[in-house]
Amino acid sequence: MTVFTDIPHDAFVAAVHALAQQLADDVWKPDFIIGIGRGGLAPAVYLSHATGLPMLSVDYSSQVKDFADEPLVKLAGRSRAGERLLFLDDINDSGRTIAHLRGALRAAEAVPGSIRFATLIDNLSSAERVEYCARTIDRTVTKDWFVFPWEAVAPAESLADDAAAVPERIA
């Protein structure tokens, strides 16, 4: 049985502040925060406000090519122009999203070192690593399905479908 764990708004805001502090403490400074649609969009807005950095977005979850891969080509071009980009998502679970984005950016000749990733929650057993995270879990131990504040309005059936989409995350 799936365990749904709500992330309260105040915990979400604290996670954003933790990421903002990590960025403030690092010598590497992004020029833009890139929200990864759909789960990274709300965190990116909050992190943009917390840091004063401008925000852009890419949409990975819809799988609509014009809104996923084409913006990555443009963003790779920005990296070649000397800009640094911080991609932000809600959770690095399997690593599939991050691997796709890194591959597409590499194929579009993004400058190594100009791209970094951050998540609110990072799964230590993910196939991909992120440079910044507010919290770590290990999916071999923690099987909860985390419900972020922006997902709390979704019908229970929709949340269950999302959780069941990759059964090994929660089984």
N, C-alpha and C. Protein backbone atom coordinates (compact mmCIF):
# COMPACT_ATOMS: atom_id res chain seq x y z
N MET A 1 0.84 -1.19 0.00
CA MET A 1 0.00 0.00 0.00
C MET A 1 0.88 1.24 0.00
N THR A 2 0.52 2.18 -0.83
CA THR A 2 1.28 3.41 -0.96
C THR A 2 1.07 4.30 0.26
N VAL A 3 2.18 4.82 0.78
CA VAL A 3 2.13 5.78 1.88
C VAL A 3 2.31 7.17 1.28
N PHE A 4 1.29 7.99 1.38
CA PHE A 4 1.36 9.36 0.88
C PHE A 4 1.79 10.27 2.03
N THR A 5 2.87 11.00 1.83
CA THR A 5 3.41 11.89 2.86
C THR A 5 3.32 13.32 2.36
N ASP A 6 2.49 14.10 3.03
CA ASP A 6 2.33 15.50 2.66
C ASP A 6 3.55 16.30 3.08
N ILE A 7 3.98 17.18 2.19
CA ILE A 7 5.02 18.15 2.50
C ILE A 7 4.28 19.45 2.83
N PRO A 8 4.25 19.84 4.10
CA PRO A 8 3.54 21.08 4.44
C PRO A 8 4.20 22.30 3.81
N HIS A 9 3.40 23.33 3.60
CA HIS A 9 3.91 24.55 2.97
C HIS A 9 5.12 25.11 3.70
N ASP A 10 5.07 25.12 5.04
CA ASP A 10 6.21 25.68 5.78
C ASP A 10 7.48 24.85 5.59
N ALA A 11 7.35 23.54 5.45
CA ALA A 11 8.51 22.69 5.18
C ALA A 11 9.05 22.94 3.77
N PHE A 12 8.16 23.16 2.83
CA PHE A 12 8.55 23.50 1.46
C PHE A 12 9.33 24.82 1.45
N VAL A 13 8.81 25.83 2.14
CA VAL A 13 9.49 27.13 2.19
C VAL A 13 10.86 26.99 2.86
N ALA A 14 10.93 26.18 3.91
CA ALA A 14 12.22 25.95 4.57
C ALA A 14 13.21 25.28 3.62
N ALA A 15 12.73 24.36 2.79
CA ALA A 15 13.60 23.71 1.80
C ALA A 15 14.12 24.72 0.78
N VAL A 16 13.26 25.63 0.34
CA VAL A 16 13.69 26.67 -0.59
C VAL A 16 14.76 27.55 0.05
N HIS A 17 14.56 27.91 1.32
CA HIS A 17 15.56 28.72 2.01
C HIS A 17 16.88 27.96 2.16
N ALA A 18 16.80 26.65 2.38
CA ALA A 18 18.02 25.84 2.47
C ALA A 18 18.78 25.85 1.15
N LEU A 19 18.06 25.73 0.04
CA LEU A 19 18.71 25.80 -1.28
C LEU A 19 19.31 27.18 -1.52
N ALA A 20 18.57 28.21 -1.16
CA ALA A 20 19.06 29.59 -1.34
C ALA A 20 20.35 29.79 -0.55
N GLN A 21 20.42 29.24 0.65
CA GLN A 21 21.63 29.37 1.47
C GLN A 21 22.79 28.61 0.86
N GLN A 22 22.53 27.43 0.32
CA GLN A 22 23.59 26.67 -0.35
C GLN A 22 24.15 27.46 -1.54
N LEU A 23 23.28 28.08 -2.29
CA LEU A 23 23.72 28.90 -3.42
C LEU A 23 24.52 30.11 -2.94
N ALA A 24 24.08 30.74 -1.87
CA ALA A 24 24.78 31.91 -1.34
C ALA A 24 26.18 31.53 -0.85
N ASP A 25 26.32 30.32 -0.31
CA ASP A 25 27.59 29.87 0.24
C ASP A 25 28.57 29.36 -0.81
N ASP A 26 28.11 29.13 -2.02
CA ASP A 26 28.94 28.55 -3.08
C ASP A 26 29.59 29.65 -3.92
N VAL A 27 30.77 29.37 -4.43
CA VAL A 27 31.42 30.33 -5.33
C VAL A 27 30.79 30.30 -6.72
N TRP A 28 30.22 29.15 -7.10
CA TRP A 28 29.52 29.03 -8.39
C TRP A 28 28.18 29.74 -8.26
N LYS A 29 27.92 30.68 -9.13
CA LYS A 29 26.68 31.46 -9.08
C LYS A 29 25.92 31.34 -10.40
N PRO A 30 24.66 30.92 -10.33
CA PRO A 30 23.87 30.84 -11.57
C PRO A 30 23.40 32.22 -12.01
N ASP A 31 23.20 32.34 -13.32
CA ASP A 31 22.59 33.54 -13.88
C ASP A 31 21.08 33.40 -13.95
N PHE A 32 20.62 32.15 -14.07
CA PHE A 32 19.19 31.85 -14.17
C PHE A 32 18.86 30.60 -13.39
N ILE A 33 17.67 30.58 -12.85
CA ILE A 33 17.08 29.36 -12.31
C ILE A 33 16.13 28.85 -13.38
N ILE A 34 16.26 27.56 -13.71
CA ILE A 34 15.40 26.95 -14.73
C ILE A 34 14.47 25.97 -14.04
N GLY A 35 13.19 26.30 -13.97
CA GLY A 35 12.21 25.38 -13.39
C GLY A 35 11.91 24.26 -14.37
N ILE A 36 11.94 23.04 -13.88
CA ILE A 36 11.65 21.86 -14.71
C ILE A 36 10.18 21.51 -14.53
N GLY A 37 9.41 21.67 -15.60
CA GLY A 37 7.98 21.37 -15.54
C GLY A 37 7.74 19.89 -15.46
N ARG A 38 6.96 19.53 -14.57
CA ARG A 38 5.97 20.33 -13.90
C ARG A 38 6.31 20.53 -12.44
N GLY A 39 6.94 19.57 -11.79
CA GLY A 39 7.20 19.65 -10.35
C GLY A 39 8.19 20.71 -9.92
N GLY A 40 9.05 21.16 -10.81
CA GLY A 40 10.05 22.15 -10.43
C GLY A 40 9.63 23.59 -10.64
N LEU A 41 8.44 23.80 -11.19
CA LEU A 41 8.04 25.17 -11.50
C LEU A 41 7.74 25.99 -10.25
N ALA A 42 6.93 25.48 -9.34
CA ALA A 42 6.63 26.23 -8.12
C ALA A 42 7.90 26.44 -7.29
N PRO A 43 8.74 25.42 -7.08
CA PRO A 43 9.98 25.67 -6.34
C PRO A 43 10.87 26.72 -7.02
N ALA A 44 10.91 26.72 -8.35
CA ALA A 44 11.74 27.69 -9.07
C ALA A 44 11.25 29.12 -8.85
N VAL A 45 9.94 29.31 -8.83
CA VAL A 45 9.39 30.64 -8.56
C VAL A 45 9.82 31.10 -7.17
N TYR A 46 9.67 30.23 -6.19
CA TYR A 46 10.04 30.57 -4.82
C TYR A 46 11.55 30.85 -4.71
N LEU A 47 12.36 30.00 -5.32
CA LEU A 47 13.82 30.18 -5.25
C LEU A 47 14.23 31.45 -5.98
N SER A 48 13.55 31.78 -7.05
CA SER A 48 13.82 33.02 -7.76
C SER A 48 13.58 34.21 -6.85
N HIS A 49 12.48 34.19 -6.12
CA HIS A 49 12.19 35.27 -5.18
C HIS A 49 13.19 35.29 -4.03
N ALA A 50 13.57 34.13 -3.53
CA ALA A 50 14.49 34.06 -2.39
C ALA A 50 15.89 34.54 -2.74
N THR A 51 16.30 34.34 -3.99
CA THR A 51 17.66 34.69 -4.40
C THR A 51 17.74 35.97 -5.22
N GLY A 52 16.62 36.40 -5.77
CA GLY A 52 16.63 37.55 -6.66
C GLY A 52 17.07 37.21 -8.07
N LEU A 53 17.27 35.92 -8.35
CA LEU A 53 17.69 35.49 -9.69
C LEU A 53 16.49 35.34 -10.61
N PRO A 54 16.66 35.66 -11.89
CA PRO A 54 15.55 35.47 -12.83
C PRO A 54 15.30 33.98 -13.07
N MET A 55 14.08 33.67 -13.46
CA MET A 55 13.65 32.29 -13.67
C MET A 55 13.19 32.08 -15.10
N LEU A 56 13.58 30.96 -15.65
CA LEU A 56 13.07 30.47 -16.94
C LEU A 56 12.51 29.08 -16.68
N SER A 57 11.95 28.45 -17.71
CA SER A 57 11.40 27.11 -17.49
C SER A 57 11.53 26.24 -18.72
N VAL A 58 11.54 24.94 -18.48
CA VAL A 58 11.43 23.94 -19.53
C VAL A 58 10.34 22.97 -19.08
N ASP A 59 9.65 22.39 -20.03
CA ASP A 59 8.59 21.46 -19.69
C ASP A 59 9.01 20.06 -20.12
N TYR A 60 9.37 19.25 -19.15
CA TYR A 60 9.75 17.89 -19.45
C TYR A 60 8.56 16.92 -19.32
N SER A 61 7.72 17.15 -18.34
CA SER A 61 6.67 16.18 -18.01
C SER A 61 5.63 15.99 -19.10
N SER A 62 5.36 17.02 -19.89
CA SER A 62 4.32 16.88 -20.91
C SER A 62 4.79 16.10 -22.12
N GLN A 63 6.11 16.01 -22.31
CA GLN A 63 6.70 15.34 -23.47
C GLN A 63 6.30 15.99 -24.80
N VAL A 64 5.94 17.26 -24.75
CA VAL A 64 5.65 18.01 -25.97
C VAL A 64 6.97 18.62 -26.44
N LYS A 65 7.47 18.14 -27.57
CA LYS A 65 8.81 18.47 -28.03
C LYS A 65 9.10 19.97 -28.08
N ASP A 66 8.18 20.76 -28.60
CA ASP A 66 8.41 22.20 -28.71
C ASP A 66 8.65 22.86 -27.36
N PHE A 67 8.16 22.27 -26.29
CA PHE A 67 8.29 22.86 -24.97
C PHE A 67 9.31 22.14 -24.10
N ALA A 68 9.93 21.09 -24.62
CA ALA A 68 10.91 20.34 -23.86
C ALA A 68 12.30 20.46 -24.48
N ASP A 69 12.48 19.88 -25.65
CA ASP A 69 13.82 19.82 -26.24
C ASP A 69 14.27 21.13 -26.88
N GLU A 70 13.39 21.83 -27.55
CA GLU A 70 13.80 23.07 -28.21
C GLU A 70 14.30 24.14 -27.23
N PRO A 71 13.65 24.33 -26.09
CA PRO A 71 14.21 25.30 -25.13
C PRO A 71 15.59 24.87 -24.60
N LEU A 72 15.84 23.57 -24.54
CA LEU A 72 17.15 23.12 -24.07
C LEU A 72 18.26 23.51 -25.04
N VAL A 73 17.95 23.51 -26.33
CA VAL A 73 18.93 23.96 -27.33
C VAL A 73 19.24 25.44 -27.10
N LYS A 74 18.21 26.24 -26.85
CA LYS A 74 18.41 27.66 -26.58
C LYS A 74 19.20 27.87 -25.30
N LEU A 75 18.90 27.07 -24.28
CA LEU A 75 19.61 27.20 -23.01
C LEU A 75 21.07 26.79 -23.15
N ALA A 76 21.34 25.75 -23.94
CA ALA A 76 22.73 25.35 -24.21
C ALA A 76 23.48 26.51 -24.87
N GLY A 77 22.80 27.22 -25.77
CA GLY A 77 23.40 28.40 -26.40
C GLY A 77 23.73 29.48 -25.39
N ARG A 78 22.87 29.66 -24.41
CA ARG A 78 23.14 30.65 -23.36
C ARG A 78 24.37 30.25 -22.57
N SER A 79 24.55 28.94 -22.35
CA SER A 79 25.75 28.50 -21.63
C SER A 79 27.00 28.79 -22.46
N ARG A 80 26.90 28.64 -23.77
CA ARG A 80 28.04 28.96 -24.64
C ARG A 80 28.34 30.47 -24.64
N ALA A 81 27.34 31.27 -24.32
CA ALA A 81 27.52 32.71 -24.23
C ALA A 81 28.06 33.14 -22.86
N GLY A 82 28.33 32.13 -22.00
CA GLY A 82 28.93 32.42 -20.70
C GLY A 82 27.99 32.41 -19.52
N GLU A 83 26.72 32.12 -19.74
CA GLU A 83 25.77 32.11 -18.63
C GLU A 83 25.76 30.76 -17.92
N ARG A 84 25.49 30.82 -16.62
CA ARG A 84 25.38 29.61 -15.80
C ARG A 84 23.91 29.37 -15.47
N LEU A 85 23.51 28.10 -15.55
CA LEU A 85 22.10 27.74 -15.41
C LEU A 85 21.91 26.71 -14.31
N LEU A 86 21.00 27.00 -13.40
CA LEU A 86 20.65 26.06 -12.33
C LEU A 86 19.26 25.50 -12.64
N PHE A 87 19.20 24.21 -12.93
CA PHE A 87 17.94 23.53 -13.17
C PHE A 87 17.39 23.03 -11.84
N LEU A 88 16.10 23.25 -11.62
CA LEU A 88 15.48 22.90 -10.34
C LEU A 88 14.25 22.03 -10.55
N ASP A 89 14.20 20.93 -9.80
CA ASP A 89 13.04 20.04 -9.82
C ASP A 89 12.64 19.75 -8.38
N ASP A 90 11.45 19.19 -8.20
CA ASP A 90 11.00 18.89 -6.84
C ASP A 90 11.76 17.70 -6.24
N ILE A 91 11.94 16.64 -7.03
CA ILE A 91 12.59 15.44 -6.50
C ILE A 91 13.44 14.78 -7.59
N ASN A 92 14.59 14.34 -7.20
CA ASN A 92 15.43 13.48 -8.04
C ASN A 92 15.13 12.08 -7.56
N ASP A 93 14.23 11.40 -8.22
CA ASP A 93 13.79 10.09 -7.76
C ASP A 93 14.57 8.99 -8.48
N SER A 94 14.22 8.71 -9.71
CA SER A 94 14.95 7.68 -10.48
C SER A 94 16.16 8.27 -11.18
N GLY A 95 16.13 9.56 -11.45
CA GLY A 95 17.18 10.23 -12.20
C GLY A 95 16.87 10.35 -13.69
N ARG A 96 15.74 9.81 -14.10
CA ARG A 96 15.38 9.81 -15.51
C ARG A 96 15.26 11.21 -16.10
N THR A 97 14.60 12.11 -15.40
CA THR A 97 14.44 13.48 -15.90
C THR A 97 15.79 14.17 -16.03
N ILE A 98 16.60 14.09 -14.99
CA ILE A 98 17.90 14.75 -15.01
C ILE A 98 18.79 14.16 -16.09
N ALA A 99 18.77 12.84 -16.24
CA ALA A 99 19.58 12.20 -17.29
C ALA A 99 19.16 12.69 -18.67
N HIS A 100 17.85 12.79 -18.89
CA HIS A 100 17.36 13.28 -20.18
C HIS A 100 17.83 14.71 -20.44
N LEU A 101 17.67 15.57 -19.43
CA LEU A 101 18.05 16.96 -19.60
C LEU A 101 19.56 17.10 -19.82
N ARG A 102 20.34 16.39 -19.04
CA ARG A 102 21.80 16.45 -19.23
C ARG A 102 22.19 15.97 -20.62
N GLY A 103 21.57 14.89 -21.08
CA GLY A 103 21.87 14.36 -22.41
C GLY A 103 21.51 15.34 -23.51
N ALA A 104 20.34 15.95 -23.39
CA ALA A 104 19.90 16.92 -24.40
C ALA A 104 20.79 18.16 -24.39
N LEU A 105 21.18 18.61 -23.22
CA LEU A 105 22.07 19.77 -23.13
C LEU A 105 23.45 19.45 -23.70
N ARG A 106 23.95 18.27 -23.40
CA ARG A 106 25.24 17.83 -23.95
C ARG A 106 25.18 17.76 -25.47
N ALA A 107 24.09 17.18 -26.00
CA ALA A 107 23.91 17.07 -27.45
C ALA A 107 23.83 18.45 -28.10
N ALA A 108 23.31 19.42 -27.36
CA ALA A 108 23.20 20.80 -27.88
C ALA A 108 24.46 21.61 -27.56
N GLU A 109 25.48 20.93 -27.10
CA GLU A 109 26.80 21.53 -26.84
C GLU A 109 26.80 22.59 -25.75
N ALA A 110 26.08 22.30 -24.66
CA ALA A 110 26.16 23.17 -23.48
C ALA A 110 27.58 23.09 -22.93
N VAL A 111 28.03 24.16 -22.35
CA VAL A 111 29.39 24.23 -21.80
C VAL A 111 29.45 23.45 -20.49
N PRO A 112 30.34 22.46 -20.41
CA PRO A 112 30.51 21.73 -19.14
C PRO A 112 30.85 22.71 -18.01
N GLY A 113 30.25 22.49 -16.86
CA GLY A 113 30.49 23.36 -15.71
C GLY A 113 29.54 24.53 -15.61
N SER A 114 28.78 24.79 -16.68
CA SER A 114 27.85 25.92 -16.65
C SER A 114 26.44 25.49 -16.26
N ILE A 115 26.25 24.18 -16.13
CA ILE A 115 24.92 23.64 -15.82
C ILE A 115 25.00 22.88 -14.49
N ARG A 116 24.08 23.18 -13.60
CA ARG A 116 23.98 22.43 -12.34
C ARG A 116 22.50 22.12 -12.08
N PHE A 117 22.30 21.16 -11.16
CA PHE A 117 20.95 20.72 -10.82
C PHE A 117 20.73 20.80 -9.32
N ALA A 118 19.51 21.15 -8.95
CA ALA A 118 19.08 21.21 -7.56
C ALA A 118 17.70 20.56 -7.45
N THR A 119 17.44 19.96 -6.31
CA THR A 119 16.12 19.40 -6.02
C THR A 119 15.78 19.64 -4.55
N LEU A 120 14.50 19.64 -4.28
CA LEU A 120 14.08 19.72 -2.88
C LEU A 120 14.43 18.42 -2.16
N ILE A 121 14.20 17.29 -2.84
CA ILE A 121 14.50 15.97 -2.28
C ILE A 121 15.38 15.23 -3.27
N ASP A 122 16.47 14.65 -2.76
CA ASP A 122 17.40 13.89 -3.59
C ASP A 122 17.43 12.44 -3.09
N ASN A 123 17.18 11.52 -3.99
CA ASN A 123 17.22 10.10 -3.69
C ASN A 123 18.66 9.62 -3.86
N LEU A 124 19.27 9.16 -2.78
CA LEU A 124 20.66 8.71 -2.82
C LEU A 124 20.87 7.52 -3.75
N SER A 125 19.83 6.75 -4.00
CA SER A 125 19.96 5.59 -4.88
C SER A 125 19.54 5.91 -6.33
N SER A 126 19.37 7.20 -6.64
CA SER A 126 19.07 7.62 -8.00
C SER A 126 20.27 7.36 -8.91
N ALA A 127 19.99 7.19 -10.18
CA ALA A 127 21.06 7.01 -11.18
C ALA A 127 21.80 8.31 -11.45
N GLU A 128 21.26 9.45 -11.04
CA GLU A 128 21.87 10.76 -11.27
C GLU A 128 22.10 11.48 -9.95
N ARG A 129 23.09 12.33 -9.93
CA ARG A 129 23.41 13.15 -8.76
C ARG A 129 23.06 14.61 -9.05
N VAL A 130 22.75 15.33 -7.99
CA VAL A 130 22.50 16.77 -8.09
C VAL A 130 23.54 17.50 -7.25
N GLU A 131 23.77 18.76 -7.58
CA GLU A 131 24.75 19.54 -6.84
C GLU A 131 24.18 20.15 -5.56
N TYR A 132 22.87 20.39 -5.53
CA TYR A 132 22.25 21.01 -4.36
C TYR A 132 20.94 20.29 -4.05
N CYS A 133 20.69 20.08 -2.77
CA CYS A 133 19.39 19.52 -2.35
C CYS A 133 19.10 19.97 -0.93
N ALA A 134 17.83 20.01 -0.61
CA ALA A 134 17.41 20.40 0.73
C ALA A 134 17.28 19.18 1.65
N ARG A 135 17.03 18.03 1.06
CA ARG A 135 16.80 16.82 1.86
C ARG A 135 17.22 15.61 1.04
N THR A 136 17.74 14.60 1.70
CA THR A 136 18.07 13.35 1.01
C THR A 136 17.24 12.22 1.59
N ILE A 137 16.93 11.28 0.71
CA ILE A 137 16.27 10.04 1.10
C ILE A 137 17.00 8.90 0.39
N ASP A 138 16.69 7.70 0.76
CA ASP A 138 17.18 6.53 0.05
C ASP A 138 15.96 5.68 -0.27
N ARG A 139 15.62 5.58 -1.55
CA ARG A 139 14.43 4.85 -1.98
C ARG A 139 14.50 3.36 -1.64
N THR A 140 15.68 2.85 -1.35
CA THR A 140 15.74 1.45 -0.91
C THR A 140 15.17 1.31 0.49
N VAL A 141 15.04 2.44 1.20
CA VAL A 141 14.49 2.45 2.56
C VAL A 141 13.16 3.20 2.62
N THR A 142 13.13 4.40 2.05
CA THR A 142 11.96 5.27 2.11
C THR A 142 11.10 5.08 0.87
N LYS A 143 9.91 4.55 1.04
CA LYS A 143 9.02 4.28 -0.09
C LYS A 143 7.84 5.26 -0.17
N ASP A 144 7.81 6.24 0.71
CA ASP A 144 6.70 7.21 0.72
C ASP A 144 6.60 7.93 -0.61
N TRP A 145 5.38 8.25 -0.98
CA TRP A 145 5.14 9.12 -2.13
C TRP A 145 4.91 10.51 -1.57
N PHE A 146 5.81 11.43 -1.87
CA PHE A 146 5.74 12.77 -1.31
C PHE A 146 4.76 13.62 -2.10
N VAL A 147 3.88 14.29 -1.37
CA VAL A 147 2.86 15.15 -1.97
C VAL A 147 3.22 16.59 -1.61
N PHE A 148 3.70 17.31 -2.62
CA PHE A 148 4.11 18.69 -2.42
C PHE A 148 2.88 19.60 -2.39
N PRO A 149 3.00 20.81 -1.84
CA PRO A 149 1.82 21.67 -1.69
C PRO A 149 1.04 21.89 -2.99
N TRP A 150 1.72 22.02 -4.12
CA TRP A 150 1.02 22.27 -5.39
C TRP A 150 0.30 21.03 -5.90
N GLU A 151 0.66 19.86 -5.38
CA GLU A 151 -0.02 18.61 -5.77
C GLU A 151 -1.21 18.31 -4.86
N ALA A 152 -1.27 18.97 -3.73
CA ALA A 152 -2.31 18.67 -2.74
C ALA A 152 -3.71 18.91 -3.26
N VAL A 153 -3.85 19.68 -4.34
CA VAL A 153 -5.17 19.95 -4.91
C VAL A 153 -5.59 18.87 -5.92
N ALA A 154 -4.68 17.95 -6.23
CA ALA A 154 -5.00 16.90 -7.21
C ALA A 154 -5.95 15.88 -6.62
N PRO A 155 -6.80 15.27 -7.45
CA PRO A 155 -7.66 14.20 -6.96
C PRO A 155 -6.80 13.02 -6.45
N ALA A 156 -7.27 12.34 -5.44
CA ALA A 156 -6.54 11.21 -4.85
C ALA A 156 -6.20 10.17 -5.92
N GLU A 157 -7.10 9.95 -6.85
CA GLU A 157 -6.87 8.96 -7.92
C GLU A 157 -5.68 9.36 -8.79
N SER A 158 -5.56 10.65 -9.07
CA SER A 158 -4.45 11.14 -9.87
C SER A 158 -3.12 10.95 -9.14
N LEU A 159 -3.10 11.23 -7.84
CA LEU A 159 -1.88 11.01 -7.04
C LEU A 159 -1.51 9.53 -7.03
N ALA A 160 -2.50 8.68 -6.88
CA ALA A 160 -2.25 7.23 -6.87
C ALA A 160 -1.70 6.76 -8.22
N ASP A 161 -2.25 7.30 -9.30
CA ASP A 161 -1.75 6.95 -10.64
C ASP A 161 -0.30 7.39 -10.82
N ASP A 162 0.03 8.60 -10.37
CA ASP A 162 1.40 9.09 -10.46
C ASP A 162 2.34 8.20 -9.66
N ALA A 163 1.94 7.84 -8.47
CA ALA A 163 2.78 6.99 -7.62
C ALA A 163 2.98 5.61 -8.23
N ALA A 164 1.96 5.09 -8.86
CA ALA A 164 2.02 3.74 -9.42
C ALA A 164 2.75 3.69 -10.77
N ALA A 165 3.06 4.84 -11.35
CA ALA A 165 3.67 4.88 -12.67
C ALA A 165 5.04 4.18 -12.68
N VAL A 166 5.77 4.24 -11.60
CA VAL A 166 7.05 3.56 -11.47
C VAL A 166 7.01 2.80 -10.15
N PRO A 167 6.50 1.57 -10.18
CA PRO A 167 6.22 0.84 -8.95
C PRO A 167 7.42 0.62 -8.04
N GLU A 168 8.63 0.49 -8.60
CA GLU A 168 9.79 0.23 -7.76
C GLU A 168 10.11 1.39 -6.82
N ARG A 169 9.59 2.58 -7.11
CA ARG A 169 9.84 3.72 -6.20
C ARG A 169 9.13 3.52 -4.88
N ILE A 170 7.98 2.88 -4.92
CA ILE A 170 7.15 2.82 -3.70
C ILE A 170 6.92 1.40 -3.19
N ALA A 171 7.45 0.40 -3.89
CA ALA A 171 7.22 -1.00 -3.49
C ALA A 171 8.34 -1.53 -2.63
